[in-house]
Amino acid sequence: MASNTSATRVKRKNKHEKAGRRRKNATARKSTKSTAELFAGLGEPGKPAPAKR
């Protein structure tokens, strides 16, 4: 049976790794633009695109 200290260290290590993964997942969720945001500058479907300035 593992000692209480080694079990605590492993739990702490796992908790830190999971926290980093959760943080990265949260930032990655919004880093990808939605389809509406990507194509917002192209105008409505079936209509000509807005003129470039």
N, C-alpha and C. Protein backbone atom coordinates (compact mmCIF):
# COMPACT_ATOMS: atom_id res chain seq x y z
N MET A 1 0.85 -1.18 0.00
CA MET A 1 0.00 0.00 0.00
C MET A 1 0.89 1.24 0.00
N ALA A 2 0.55 2.22 -0.82
CA ALA A 2 1.34 3.44 -0.93
C ALA A 2 1.14 4.29 0.33
N SER A 3 2.18 5.03 0.64
CA SER A 3 2.10 5.90 1.82
C SER A 3 1.15 7.06 1.53
N ASN A 4 0.68 7.67 2.57
CA ASN A 4 -0.22 8.82 2.43
C ASN A 4 0.48 9.96 1.70
N THR A 5 1.77 10.16 1.96
CA THR A 5 2.52 11.24 1.33
C THR A 5 2.60 11.05 -0.18
N SER A 6 2.95 9.82 -0.60
CA SER A 6 3.08 9.60 -2.04
C SER A 6 1.73 9.69 -2.73
N ALA A 7 0.67 9.24 -2.08
CA ALA A 7 -0.66 9.36 -2.66
C ALA A 7 -1.06 10.82 -2.81
N THR A 8 -0.73 11.62 -1.81
CA THR A 8 -1.06 13.04 -1.85
C THR A 8 -0.29 13.74 -2.97
N ARG A 9 0.99 13.39 -3.13
CA ARG A 9 1.80 13.99 -4.20
C ARG A 9 1.24 13.67 -5.57
N VAL A 10 0.82 12.43 -5.76
CA VAL A 10 0.27 12.02 -7.05
C VAL A 10 -1.04 12.77 -7.33
N LYS A 11 -1.89 12.87 -6.29
CA LYS A 11 -3.15 13.58 -6.45
C LYS A 11 -2.90 15.05 -6.80
N ARG A 12 -1.92 15.65 -6.14
CA ARG A 12 -1.60 17.05 -6.39
C ARG A 12 -1.09 17.24 -7.82
N LYS A 13 -0.22 16.33 -8.26
CA LYS A 13 0.32 16.40 -9.62
C LYS A 13 -0.81 16.28 -10.65
N ASN A 14 -1.71 15.31 -10.43
CA ASN A 14 -2.84 15.14 -11.35
C ASN A 14 -3.74 16.37 -11.37
N LYS A 15 -3.95 16.96 -10.19
CA LYS A 15 -4.81 18.14 -10.10
C LYS A 15 -4.21 19.30 -10.89
N HIS A 16 -2.90 19.48 -10.79
CA HIS A 16 -2.23 20.55 -11.54
C HIS A 16 -2.31 20.31 -13.05
N GLU A 17 -2.10 19.06 -13.46
CA GLU A 17 -2.17 18.75 -14.89
C GLU A 17 -3.58 18.98 -15.42
N LYS A 18 -4.58 18.57 -14.65
CA LYS A 18 -5.97 18.75 -15.08
C LYS A 18 -6.33 20.23 -15.14
N ALA A 19 -5.81 21.02 -14.20
CA ALA A 19 -6.10 22.46 -14.20
C ALA A 19 -5.55 23.11 -15.46
N GLY A 20 -4.35 22.72 -15.84
CA GLY A 20 -3.75 23.27 -17.06
C GLY A 20 -4.53 22.86 -18.29
N ARG A 21 -4.97 21.62 -18.32
CA ARG A 21 -5.74 21.13 -19.47
C ARG A 21 -7.07 21.85 -19.55
N ARG A 22 -7.72 22.05 -18.39
CA ARG A 22 -9.01 22.76 -18.38
C ARG A 22 -8.83 24.20 -18.87
N ARG A 23 -7.75 24.84 -18.43
CA ARG A 23 -7.49 26.22 -18.85
C ARG A 23 -7.29 26.28 -20.36
N LYS A 24 -6.48 25.37 -20.90
CA LYS A 24 -6.21 25.37 -22.33
C LYS A 24 -7.47 25.04 -23.13
N ASN A 25 -8.28 24.12 -22.62
CA ASN A 25 -9.53 23.79 -23.31
C ASN A 25 -10.47 24.98 -23.34
N ALA A 26 -10.51 25.73 -22.26
CA ALA A 26 -11.39 26.90 -22.21
C ALA A 26 -10.95 27.95 -23.20
N THR A 27 -9.63 28.18 -23.34
CA THR A 27 -9.17 29.18 -24.30
C THR A 27 -9.35 28.68 -25.72
N ALA A 28 -9.18 27.39 -25.95
CA ALA A 28 -9.32 26.84 -27.30
C ALA A 28 -10.78 26.88 -27.76
N ARG A 29 -11.70 26.81 -26.82
CA ARG A 29 -13.10 26.81 -27.18
C ARG A 29 -13.47 28.10 -27.92
N LYS A 30 -12.93 29.23 -27.47
CA LYS A 30 -13.30 30.50 -28.10
C LYS A 30 -12.29 30.94 -29.15
N SER A 31 -11.12 30.32 -29.20
CA SER A 31 -10.12 30.77 -30.16
C SER A 31 -10.55 30.47 -31.59
N THR A 32 -11.43 29.49 -31.77
CA THR A 32 -11.93 29.17 -33.10
C THR A 32 -13.19 30.00 -33.34
N LYS A 33 -13.18 30.80 -34.40
CA LYS A 33 -14.34 31.63 -34.68
C LYS A 33 -15.47 30.78 -35.23
N SER A 34 -16.68 31.24 -34.96
CA SER A 34 -17.85 30.54 -35.48
C SER A 34 -17.98 30.81 -36.97
N THR A 35 -18.80 30.03 -37.63
CA THR A 35 -19.01 30.22 -39.07
C THR A 35 -19.57 31.60 -39.35
N ALA A 36 -20.48 32.06 -38.52
CA ALA A 36 -21.07 33.38 -38.70
C ALA A 36 -20.01 34.47 -38.59
N GLU A 37 -19.10 34.32 -37.62
CA GLU A 37 -18.04 35.33 -37.46
C GLU A 37 -17.04 35.28 -38.62
N LEU A 38 -16.74 34.07 -39.09
CA LEU A 38 -15.76 33.94 -40.18
C LEU A 38 -16.25 34.60 -41.47
N PHE A 39 -17.52 34.40 -41.79
CA PHE A 39 -18.04 34.85 -43.07
C PHE A 39 -18.89 36.11 -42.95
N ALA A 40 -18.81 36.83 -41.84
CA ALA A 40 -19.63 38.02 -41.63
C ALA A 40 -19.31 39.11 -42.65
N GLY A 41 -18.06 39.24 -43.06
CA GLY A 41 -17.67 40.29 -43.99
C GLY A 41 -18.04 40.01 -45.43
N LEU A 42 -18.56 38.84 -45.72
CA LEU A 42 -18.88 38.48 -47.10
C LEU A 42 -20.31 38.82 -47.50
N GLY A 43 -21.10 39.29 -46.56
CA GLY A 43 -22.48 39.63 -46.86
C GLY A 43 -23.39 38.43 -46.75
N GLU A 44 -24.65 38.62 -47.14
CA GLU A 44 -25.62 37.54 -47.03
C GLU A 44 -25.46 36.57 -48.19
N PRO A 45 -25.83 35.30 -47.96
CA PRO A 45 -25.73 34.31 -49.04
C PRO A 45 -26.66 34.67 -50.21
N GLY A 46 -26.19 34.50 -51.42
CA GLY A 46 -26.99 34.77 -52.61
C GLY A 46 -26.96 36.21 -53.06
N LYS A 47 -26.29 37.06 -52.30
CA LYS A 47 -26.20 38.48 -52.67
C LYS A 47 -24.73 38.82 -52.91
N PRO A 48 -24.47 39.85 -53.70
CA PRO A 48 -23.05 40.20 -53.94
C PRO A 48 -22.36 40.67 -52.67
N ALA A 49 -21.07 40.40 -52.63
CA ALA A 49 -20.28 40.80 -51.47
C ALA A 49 -20.16 42.31 -51.42
N PRO A 50 -20.02 42.89 -50.22
CA PRO A 50 -19.84 44.33 -50.12
C PRO A 50 -18.55 44.78 -50.82
N ALA A 51 -18.57 45.96 -51.38
CA ALA A 51 -17.40 46.48 -52.10
C ALA A 51 -16.26 46.74 -51.13
N LYS A 52 -15.04 46.43 -51.57
CA LYS A 52 -13.86 46.71 -50.74
C LYS A 52 -13.50 48.18 -50.87
N ARG A 53 -12.98 48.73 -49.79
CA ARG A 53 -12.61 50.16 -49.82
C ARG A 53 -11.15 50.32 -50.03
